[in-house]
Amino acid sequence: MKQEYGIDTSHHKSKLLTKTEVLEADIIIPVKKSLGSYIANIHPESVQKLHNFSTDIEDPWRQPYNVYQHCARQIDQLVAEVLDGLVERS
């Protein structure tokens, strides 16, 4: 991913979202709608910050690198759509 997006994800590990992160976030965009519902249930204060993608992103865990690349392209496109929608509403 470093070549395509200029970030080094080699040391990335997933972790649970903390209450502090929810409180500090301006926008929360989960990769699956069900995850957004889960976050809203656990952190009701997050509901105004949650913005879902128009489609779910499948977890690429243990898949070949090209699957990760596909997910990254999807996320890139969908984040742009969410942000465009937020700009239009403001």
PDB file of N, CA and C in Angstrom:
ATOM      1  N   MET A   1       0.811  -1.195   0.000  1.00  0.00           N
ATOM      2  CA  MET A   1       0.000   0.000   0.000  1.00  0.00           C
ATOM      3  C   MET A   1       0.861   1.268   0.000  1.00  0.00           C
ATOM      4  N   LYS A   2       2.105   1.128   0.426  1.00  0.00           N
ATOM      5  CA  LYS A   2       2.956   2.298   0.529  1.00  0.00           C
ATOM      6  C   LYS A   2       3.110   3.000  -0.822  1.00  0.00           C
ATOM      7  N   GLN A   3       3.273   2.227  -1.880  1.00  0.00           N
ATOM      8  CA  GLN A   3       3.466   2.829  -3.192  1.00  0.00           C
ATOM      9  C   GLN A   3       2.224   3.565  -3.660  1.00  0.00           C
ATOM     10  N   GLU A   4       1.065   2.973  -3.492  1.00  0.00           N
ATOM     11  CA  GLU A   4      -0.163   3.573  -3.997  1.00  0.00           C
ATOM     12  C   GLU A   4      -0.661   4.750  -3.163  1.00  0.00           C
ATOM     13  N   TYR A   5      -0.513   4.668  -1.841  1.00  0.00           N
ATOM     14  CA  TYR A   5      -1.120   5.671  -0.962  1.00  0.00           C
ATOM     15  C   TYR A   5      -0.120   6.415  -0.077  1.00  0.00           C
ATOM     16  N   GLY A   6       1.153   6.088  -0.186  1.00  0.00           N
ATOM     17  CA  GLY A   6       2.168   6.801   0.579  1.00  0.00           C
ATOM     18  C   GLY A   6       2.140   6.528   2.075  1.00  0.00           C
ATOM     19  N   ILE A   7       1.571   5.395   2.492  1.00  0.00           N
ATOM     20  CA  ILE A   7       1.542   5.045   3.910  1.00  0.00           C
ATOM     21  C   ILE A   7       2.151   3.659   4.108  1.00  0.00           C
ATOM     22  N   ASP A   8       2.779   3.485   5.231  1.00  0.00           N
ATOM     23  CA  ASP A   8       3.379   2.198   5.565  1.00  0.00           C
ATOM     24  C   ASP A   8       2.440   1.469   6.528  1.00  0.00           C
ATOM     25  N   THR A   9       1.826   0.403   6.057  1.00  0.00           N
ATOM     26  CA  THR A   9       0.885  -0.354   6.895  1.00  0.00           C
ATOM     27  C   THR A   9       1.507  -1.635   7.442  1.00  0.00           C
ATOM     28  N   SER A  10       2.811  -1.773   7.305  1.00  0.00           N
ATOM     29  CA  SER A  10       3.455  -3.029   7.697  1.00  0.00           C
ATOM     30  C   SER A  10       3.332  -3.315   9.194  1.00  0.00           C
ATOM     31  N   HIS A  11       3.170  -2.300  10.002  1.00  0.00           N
ATOM     32  CA  HIS A  11       3.048  -2.506  11.454  1.00  0.00           C
ATOM     33  C   HIS A  11       1.622  -2.314  11.953  1.00  0.00           C
ATOM     34  N   HIS A  12       0.677  -2.207  11.025  1.00  0.00           N
ATOM     35  CA  HIS A  12      -0.720  -1.988  11.408  1.00  0.00           C
ATOM     36  C   HIS A  12      -1.318  -3.240  12.035  1.00  0.00           C
ATOM     37  N   LYS A  13      -2.062  -3.045  13.101  1.00  0.00           N
ATOM     38  CA  LYS A  13      -2.830  -4.120  13.733  1.00  0.00           C
ATOM     39  C   LYS A  13      -4.194  -3.552  14.076  1.00  0.00           C
ATOM     40  N   SER A  14      -5.222  -4.338  13.828  1.00  0.00           N
ATOM     41  CA  SER A  14      -6.559  -3.868  14.174  1.00  0.00           C
ATOM     42  C   SER A  14      -6.719  -3.849  15.694  1.00  0.00           C
ATOM     43  N   LYS A  15      -7.618  -2.985  16.147  1.00  0.00           N
ATOM     44  CA  LYS A  15      -7.889  -2.881  17.581  1.00  0.00           C
ATOM     45  C   LYS A  15      -9.306  -2.383  17.765  1.00  0.00           C
ATOM     46  N   LEU A  16      -9.803  -2.515  18.962  1.00  0.00           N
ATOM     47  CA  LEU A  16     -11.149  -2.051  19.275  1.00  0.00           C
ATOM     48  C   LEU A  16     -11.176  -0.524  19.357  1.00  0.00           C
ATOM     49  N   LEU A  17     -12.266   0.043  18.914  1.00  0.00           N
ATOM     50  CA  LEU A  17     -12.486   1.479  18.995  1.00  0.00           C
ATOM     51  C   LEU A  17     -12.735   1.845  20.457  1.00  0.00           C
ATOM     52  N   THR A  18     -12.037   2.862  20.941  1.00  0.00           N
ATOM     53  CA  THR A  18     -12.189   3.263  22.338  1.00  0.00           C
ATOM     54  C   THR A  18     -13.155   4.438  22.470  1.00  0.00           C
ATOM     55  N   LYS A  19     -13.668   4.622  23.656  1.00  0.00           N
ATOM     56  CA  LYS A  19     -14.562   5.756  23.921  1.00  0.00           C
ATOM     57  C   LYS A  19     -13.841   7.074  23.666  1.00  0.00           C
ATOM     58  N   THR A  20     -12.581   7.157  24.032  1.00  0.00           N
ATOM     59  CA  THR A  20     -11.794   8.370  23.791  1.00  0.00           C
ATOM     60  C   THR A  20     -11.719   8.677  22.306  1.00  0.00           C
ATOM     61  N   GLU A  21     -11.480   7.651  21.492  1.00  0.00           N
ATOM     62  CA  GLU A  21     -11.409   7.850  20.042  1.00  0.00           C
ATOM     63  C   GLU A  21     -12.762   8.317  19.498  1.00  0.00           C
ATOM     64  N   VAL A  22     -13.844   7.757  20.010  1.00  0.00           N
ATOM     65  CA  VAL A  22     -15.184   8.171  19.587  1.00  0.00           C
ATOM     66  C   VAL A  22     -15.409   9.633  19.934  1.00  0.00           C
ATOM     67  N   LEU A  23     -15.058  10.028  21.148  1.00  0.00           N
ATOM     68  CA  LEU A  23     -15.268  11.406  21.583  1.00  0.00           C
ATOM     69  C   LEU A  23     -14.410  12.390  20.792  1.00  0.00           C
ATOM     70  N   GLU A  24     -13.203  11.987  20.426  1.00  0.00           N
ATOM     71  CA  GLU A  24     -12.289  12.872  19.711  1.00  0.00           C
ATOM     72  C   GLU A  24     -12.563  12.930  18.203  1.00  0.00           C
ATOM     73  N   ALA A  25     -13.261  11.951  17.675  1.00  0.00           N
ATOM     74  CA  ALA A  25     -13.493  11.878  16.231  1.00  0.00           C
ATOM     75  C   ALA A  25     -14.508  12.912  15.771  1.00  0.00           C
ATOM     76  N   ASP A  26     -14.284  13.444  14.589  1.00  0.00           N
ATOM     77  CA  ASP A  26     -15.273  14.302  13.945  1.00  0.00           C
ATOM     78  C   ASP A  26     -16.217  13.470  13.089  1.00  0.00           C
ATOM     79  N   ILE A  27     -15.663  12.442  12.456  1.00  0.00           N
ATOM     80  CA  ILE A  27     -16.421  11.560  11.567  1.00  0.00           C
ATOM     81  C   ILE A  27     -15.976  10.128  11.829  1.00  0.00           C
ATOM     82  N   ILE A  28     -16.936   9.205  11.845  1.00  0.00           N
ATOM     83  CA  ILE A  28     -16.632   7.774  11.961  1.00  0.00           C
ATOM     84  C   ILE A  28     -17.282   7.090  10.763  1.00  0.00           C
ATOM     85  N   ILE A  29     -16.455   6.416   9.966  1.00  0.00           N
ATOM     86  CA  ILE A  29     -16.957   5.730   8.779  1.00  0.00           C
ATOM     87  C   ILE A  29     -16.595   4.246   8.883  1.00  0.00           C
ATOM     88  N   PRO A  30     -17.519   3.434   9.358  1.00  0.00           N
ATOM     89  CA  PRO A  30     -17.241   1.990   9.452  1.00  0.00           C
ATOM     90  C   PRO A  30     -17.264   1.344   8.070  1.00  0.00           C
ATOM     91  N   VAL A  31     -16.544   0.241   7.926  1.00  0.00           N
ATOM     92  CA  VAL A  31     -16.471  -0.434   6.628  1.00  0.00           C
ATOM     93  C   VAL A  31     -17.687  -1.318   6.358  1.00  0.00           C
ATOM     94  N   LYS A  32     -18.493  -1.568   7.379  1.00  0.00           N
ATOM     95  CA  LYS A  32     -19.728  -2.348   7.208  1.00  0.00           C
ATOM     96  C   LYS A  32     -20.849  -1.664   7.985  1.00  0.00           C
ATOM     97  N   LYS A  33     -22.046  -1.696   7.422  1.00  0.00           N
ATOM     98  CA  LYS A  33     -23.195  -1.081   8.101  1.00  0.00           C
ATOM     99  C   LYS A  33     -23.460  -1.742   9.441  1.00  0.00           C
ATOM    100  N   SER A  34     -23.265  -3.058   9.520  1.00  0.00           N
ATOM    101  CA  SER A  34     -23.487  -3.761  10.790  1.00  0.00           C
ATOM    102  C   SER A  34     -22.501  -3.275  11.856  1.00  0.00           C
ATOM    103  N   LEU A  35     -21.304  -2.927  11.447  1.00  0.00           N
ATOM    104  CA  LEU A  35     -20.319  -2.392  12.384  1.00  0.00           C
ATOM    105  C   LEU A  35     -20.759  -1.010  12.860  1.00  0.00           C
ATOM    106  N   GLY A  36     -21.341  -0.222  11.972  1.00  0.00           N
ATOM    107  CA  GLY A  36     -21.869   1.080  12.371  1.00  0.00           C
ATOM    108  C   GLY A  36     -22.966   0.939  13.416  1.00  0.00           C
ATOM    109  N   SER A  37     -23.847  -0.037  13.223  1.00  0.00           N
ATOM    110  CA  SER A  37     -24.907  -0.295  14.211  1.00  0.00           C
ATOM    111  C   SER A  37     -24.315  -0.715  15.546  1.00  0.00           C
ATOM    112  N   TYR A  38     -23.301  -1.564  15.489  1.00  0.00           N
ATOM    113  CA  TYR A  38     -22.634  -2.021  16.716  1.00  0.00           C
ATOM    114  C   TYR A  38     -22.006  -0.825  17.445  1.00  0.00           C
ATOM    115  N   ILE A  39     -21.314   0.030  16.709  1.00  0.00           N
ATOM    116  CA  ILE A  39     -20.677   1.199  17.320  1.00  0.00           C
ATOM    117  C   ILE A  39     -21.741   2.098  17.948  1.00  0.00           C
ATOM    118  N   ALA A  40     -22.846   2.312  17.259  1.00  0.00           N
ATOM    119  CA  ALA A  40     -23.923   3.157  17.788  1.00  0.00           C
ATOM    120  C   ALA A  40     -24.501   2.574  19.077  1.00  0.00           C
ATOM    121  N   ASN A  41     -24.601   1.253  19.158  1.00  0.00           N
ATOM    122  CA  ASN A  41     -25.121   0.611  20.375  1.00  0.00           C
ATOM    123  C   ASN A  41     -24.155   0.726  21.537  1.00  0.00           C
ATOM    124  N   ILE A  42     -22.884   0.541  21.266  1.00  0.00           N
ATOM    125  CA  ILE A  42     -21.871   0.595  22.329  1.00  0.00           C
ATOM    126  C   ILE A  42     -21.549   2.037  22.719  1.00  0.00           C
ATOM    127  N   HIS A  43     -21.554   2.923  21.734  1.00  0.00           N
ATOM    128  CA  HIS A  43     -21.212   4.341  21.943  1.00  0.00           C
ATOM    129  C   HIS A  43     -22.334   5.225  21.396  1.00  0.00           C
ATOM    130  N   PRO A  44     -23.450   5.341  22.112  1.00  0.00           N
ATOM    131  CA  PRO A  44     -24.583   6.124  21.597  1.00  0.00           C
ATOM    132  C   PRO A  44     -24.219   7.575  21.261  1.00  0.00           C
ATOM    133  N   GLU A  45     -23.182   8.086  21.893  1.00  0.00           N
ATOM    134  CA  GLU A  45     -22.754   9.462  21.620  1.00  0.00           C
ATOM    135  C   GLU A  45     -22.138   9.606  20.225  1.00  0.00           C
ATOM    136  N   SER A  46     -21.930   8.485  19.549  1.00  0.00           N
ATOM    137  CA  SER A  46     -21.294   8.503  18.235  1.00  0.00           C
ATOM    138  C   SER A  46     -22.283   8.627  17.075  1.00  0.00           C
ATOM    139  N   VAL A  47     -23.569   8.513  17.333  1.00  0.00           N
ATOM    140  CA  VAL A  47     -24.566   8.404  16.257  1.00  0.00           C
ATOM    141  C   VAL A  47     -24.463   9.562  15.268  1.00  0.00           C
ATOM    142  N   GLN A  48     -24.285  10.775  15.742  1.00  0.00           N
ATOM    143  CA  GLN A  48     -24.207  11.938  14.846  1.00  0.00           C
ATOM    144  C   GLN A  48     -22.946  11.911  13.989  1.00  0.00           C
ATOM    145  N   LYS A  49     -21.928  11.191  14.436  1.00  0.00           N
ATOM    146  CA  LYS A  49     -20.647  11.150  13.733  1.00  0.00           C
ATOM    147  C   LYS A  49     -20.558  10.004  12.724  1.00  0.00           C
ATOM    148  N   LEU A  50     -21.477   9.053  12.827  1.00  0.00           N
ATOM    149  CA  LEU A  50     -21.427   7.870  11.972  1.00  0.00           C
ATOM    150  C   LEU A  50     -21.950   8.164  10.576  1.00  0.00           C
ATOM    151  N   HIS A  51     -21.196   7.746   9.587  1.00  0.00           N
ATOM    152  CA  HIS A  51     -21.570   7.902   8.182  1.00  0.00           C
ATOM    153  C   HIS A  51     -21.195   6.614   7.464  1.00  0.00           C
ATOM    154  N   ASN A  52     -22.192   5.895   6.974  1.00  0.00           N
ATOM    155  CA  ASN A  52     -21.947   4.608   6.327  1.00  0.00           C
ATOM    156  C   ASN A  52     -21.597   4.751   4.858  1.00  0.00           C
ATOM    157  N   PHE A  53     -20.784   3.823   4.383  1.00  0.00           N
ATOM    158  CA  PHE A  53     -20.543   3.695   2.952  1.00  0.00           C
ATOM    159  C   PHE A  53     -21.826   3.206   2.293  1.00  0.00           C
ATOM    160  N   SER A  54     -21.932   3.395   0.990  1.00  0.00           N
ATOM    161  CA  SER A  54     -23.094   2.912   0.251  1.00  0.00           C
ATOM    162  C   SER A  54     -23.065   1.392   0.085  1.00  0.00           C
ATOM    163  N   THR A  55     -21.924   0.789   0.305  1.00  0.00           N
ATOM    164  CA  THR A  55     -21.773  -0.670   0.220  1.00  0.00           C
ATOM    165  C   THR A  55     -20.767  -1.135   1.264  1.00  0.00           C
ATOM    166  N   ASP A  56     -20.896  -2.349   1.704  1.00  0.00           N
ATOM    167  CA  ASP A  56     -19.956  -2.910   2.681  1.00  0.00           C
ATOM    168  C   ASP A  56     -18.634  -3.272   2.007  1.00  0.00           C
ATOM    169  N   ILE A  57     -17.557  -3.159   2.755  1.00  0.00           N
ATOM    170  CA  ILE A  57     -16.229  -3.578   2.304  1.00  0.00           C
ATOM    171  C   ILE A  57     -15.946  -4.929   2.945  1.00  0.00           C
ATOM    172  N   GLU A  58     -15.615  -5.899   2.140  1.00  0.00           N
ATOM    173  CA  GLU A  58     -15.285  -7.224   2.671  1.00  0.00           C
ATOM    174  C   GLU A  58     -13.903  -7.209   3.318  1.00  0.00           C
ATOM    175  N   ASP A  59     -13.754  -7.941   4.386  1.00  0.00           N
ATOM    176  CA  ASP A  59     -12.489  -8.020   5.108  1.00  0.00           C
ATOM    177  C   ASP A  59     -11.471  -8.793   4.277  1.00  0.00           C
ATOM    178  N   PRO A  60     -10.327  -8.184   3.958  1.00  0.00           N
ATOM    179  CA  PRO A  60      -9.332  -8.866   3.130  1.00  0.00           C
ATOM    180  C   PRO A  60      -8.367  -9.755   3.929  1.00  0.00           C
ATOM    181  N   TRP A  61      -8.629  -9.932   5.212  1.00  0.00           N
ATOM    182  CA  TRP A  61      -7.713 -10.683   6.071  1.00  0.00           C
ATOM    183  C   TRP A  61      -7.385 -12.046   5.473  1.00  0.00           C
ATOM    184  N   ARG A  62      -6.101 -12.349   5.445  1.00  0.00           N
ATOM    185  CA  ARG A  62      -5.560 -13.611   4.931  1.00  0.00           C
ATOM    186  C   ARG A  62      -5.793 -13.820   3.430  1.00  0.00           C
ATOM    187  N   GLN A  63      -6.062 -12.749   2.734  1.00  0.00           N
ATOM    188  CA  GLN A  63      -6.250 -12.820   1.285  1.00  0.00           C
ATOM    189  C   GLN A  63      -4.973 -12.352   0.594  1.00  0.00           C
ATOM    190  N   PRO A  64      -4.852 -12.639  -0.695  1.00  0.00           N
ATOM    191  CA  PRO A  64      -3.682 -12.164  -1.430  1.00  0.00           C
ATOM    192  C   PRO A  64      -3.629 -10.633  -1.482  1.00  0.00           C
ATOM    193  N   TYR A  65      -2.459 -10.110  -1.771  1.00  0.00           N
ATOM    194  CA  TYR A  65      -2.231  -8.668  -1.776  1.00  0.00           C
ATOM    195  C   TYR A  65      -3.186  -7.934  -2.718  1.00  0.00           C
ATOM    196  N   ASN A  66      -3.509  -8.538  -3.867  1.00  0.00           N
ATOM    197  CA  ASN A  66      -4.391  -7.860  -4.815  1.00  0.00           C
ATOM    198  C   ASN A  66      -5.787  -7.629  -4.221  1.00  0.00           C
ATOM    199  N   VAL A  67      -6.214  -8.466  -3.291  1.00  0.00           N
ATOM    200  CA  VAL A  67      -7.504  -8.263  -2.619  1.00  0.00           C
ATOM    201  C   VAL A  67      -7.412  -7.031  -1.713  1.00  0.00           C
ATOM    202  N   TYR A  68      -6.292  -6.870  -1.016  1.00  0.00           N
ATOM    203  CA  TYR A  68      -6.070  -5.673  -0.201  1.00  0.00           C
ATOM    204  C   TYR A  68      -6.087  -4.423  -1.078  1.00  0.00           C
ATOM    205  N   GLN A  69      -5.449  -4.511  -2.239  1.00  0.00           N
ATOM    206  CA  GLN A  69      -5.438  -3.381  -3.160  1.00  0.00           C
ATOM    207  C   GLN A  69      -6.856  -3.020  -3.606  1.00  0.00           C
ATOM    208  N   HIS A  70      -7.644  -4.029  -3.919  1.00  0.00           N
ATOM    209  CA  HIS A  70      -9.035  -3.799  -4.329  1.00  0.00           C
ATOM    210  C   HIS A  70      -9.818  -3.115  -3.201  1.00  0.00           C
ATOM    211  N   CYS A  71      -9.656  -3.597  -1.976  1.00  0.00           N
ATOM    212  CA  CYS A  71     -10.351  -2.994  -0.826  1.00  0.00           C
ATOM    213  C   CYS A  71      -9.910  -1.543  -0.628  1.00  0.00           C
ATOM    214  N   ALA A  72      -8.621  -1.279  -0.790  1.00  0.00           N
ATOM    215  CA  ALA A  72      -8.105   0.085  -0.634  1.00  0.00           C
ATOM    216  C   ALA A  72      -8.714   1.015  -1.679  1.00  0.00           C
ATOM    217  N   ARG A  73      -8.832   0.551  -2.913  1.00  0.00           N
ATOM    218  CA  ARG A  73      -9.447   1.369  -3.969  1.00  0.00           C
ATOM    219  C   ARG A  73     -10.923   1.628  -3.660  1.00  0.00           C
ATOM    220  N   GLN A  74     -11.622   0.595  -3.168  1.00  0.00           N
ATOM    221  CA  GLN A  74     -13.027   0.771  -2.791  1.00  0.00           C
ATOM    222  C   GLN A  74     -13.159   1.805  -1.682  1.00  0.00           C
ATOM    223  N   ILE A  75     -12.344   1.671  -0.655  1.00  0.00           N
ATOM    224  CA  ILE A  75     -12.405   2.596   0.483  1.00  0.00           C
ATOM    225  C   ILE A  75     -12.097   4.013   0.019  1.00  0.00           C
ATOM    226  N   ASP A  76     -11.086   4.174  -0.815  1.00  0.00           N
ATOM    227  CA  ASP A  76     -10.720   5.482  -1.333  1.00  0.00           C
ATOM    228  C   ASP A  76     -11.909   6.130  -2.043  1.00  0.00           C
ATOM    229  N   GLN A  77     -12.570   5.383  -2.889  1.00  0.00           N
ATOM    230  CA  GLN A  77     -13.716   5.895  -3.632  1.00  0.00           C
ATOM    231  C   GLN A  77     -14.890   6.199  -2.706  1.00  0.00           C
ATOM    232  N   LEU A  78     -15.169   5.289  -1.776  1.00  0.00           N
ATOM    233  CA  LEU A  78     -16.327   5.461  -0.898  1.00  0.00           C
ATOM    234  C   LEU A  78     -16.134   6.581   0.112  1.00  0.00           C
ATOM    235  N   VAL A  79     -14.909   6.782   0.589  1.00  0.00           N
ATOM    236  CA  VAL A  79     -14.643   7.905   1.494  1.00  0.00           C
ATOM    237  C   VAL A  79     -14.905   9.211   0.754  1.00  0.00           C
ATOM    238  N   ALA A  80     -14.462   9.287  -0.490  1.00  0.00           N
ATOM    239  CA  ALA A  80     -14.709  10.493  -1.286  1.00  0.00           C
ATOM    240  C   ALA A  80     -16.205  10.741  -1.427  1.00  0.00           C
ATOM    241  N   GLU A  81     -16.988   9.689  -1.652  1.00  0.00           N
ATOM    242  CA  GLU A  81     -18.444   9.839  -1.765  1.00  0.00           C
ATOM    243  C   GLU A  81     -19.051  10.353  -0.464  1.00  0.00           C
ATOM    244  N   VAL A  82     -18.635   9.788   0.667  1.00  0.00           N
ATOM    245  CA  VAL A  82     -19.156  10.229   1.971  1.00  0.00           C
ATOM    246  C   VAL A  82     -18.806  11.697   2.198  1.00  0.00           C
ATOM    247  N   LEU A  83     -17.561  12.065   1.947  1.00  0.00           N
ATOM    248  CA  LEU A  83     -17.137  13.451   2.167  1.00  0.00           C
ATOM    249  C   LEU A  83     -17.859  14.408   1.224  1.00  0.00           C
ATOM    250  N   ASP A  84     -18.063  14.010  -0.024  1.00  0.00           N
ATOM    251  CA  ASP A  84     -18.832  14.845  -0.955  1.00  0.00           C
ATOM    252  C   ASP A  84     -20.246  15.072  -0.432  1.00  0.00           C
ATOM    253  N   GLY A  85     -20.857  14.012   0.096  1.00  0.00           N
ATOM    254  CA  GLY A  85     -22.196  14.131   0.659  1.00  0.00           C
ATOM    255  C   GLY A  85     -22.243  15.079   1.854  1.00  0.00           C
ATOM    256  N   LEU A  86     -21.215  15.035   2.686  1.00  0.00           N
ATOM    257  CA  LEU A  86     -21.162  15.936   3.837  1.00  0.00           C
ATOM    258  C   LEU A  86     -20.998  17.387   3.396  1.00  0.00           C
ATOM    259  N   VAL A  87     -20.203  17.609   2.370  1.00  0.00           N
ATOM    260  CA  VAL A  87     -20.002  18.969   1.860  1.00  0.00           C
ATOM    261  C   VAL A  87     -21.298  19.504   1.270  1.00  0.00           C
ATOM    262  N   GLU A  88     -22.015  18.661   0.538  1.00  0.00           N
ATOM    263  CA  GLU A  88     -23.280  19.080  -0.059  1.00  0.00           C
ATOM    264  C   GLU A  88     -24.306  19.464   0.995  1.00  0.00           C
ATOM    265  N   ARG A  89     -24.285  18.787   2.136  1.00  0.00           N
ATOM    266  CA  ARG A  89     -25.271  19.064   3.202  1.00  0.00           C
ATOM    267  C   ARG A  89     -24.939  20.316   3.985  1.00  0.00           C
ATOM    268  N   SER A  90     -23.684  20.746   3.950  1.00  0.00           N
ATOM    269  CA  SER A  90     -23.297  21.902   4.783  1.00  0.00           C
ATOM    270  C   SER A  90     -23.474  23.221   4.072  1.00  0.00           C
TER     271      SER A  90
END
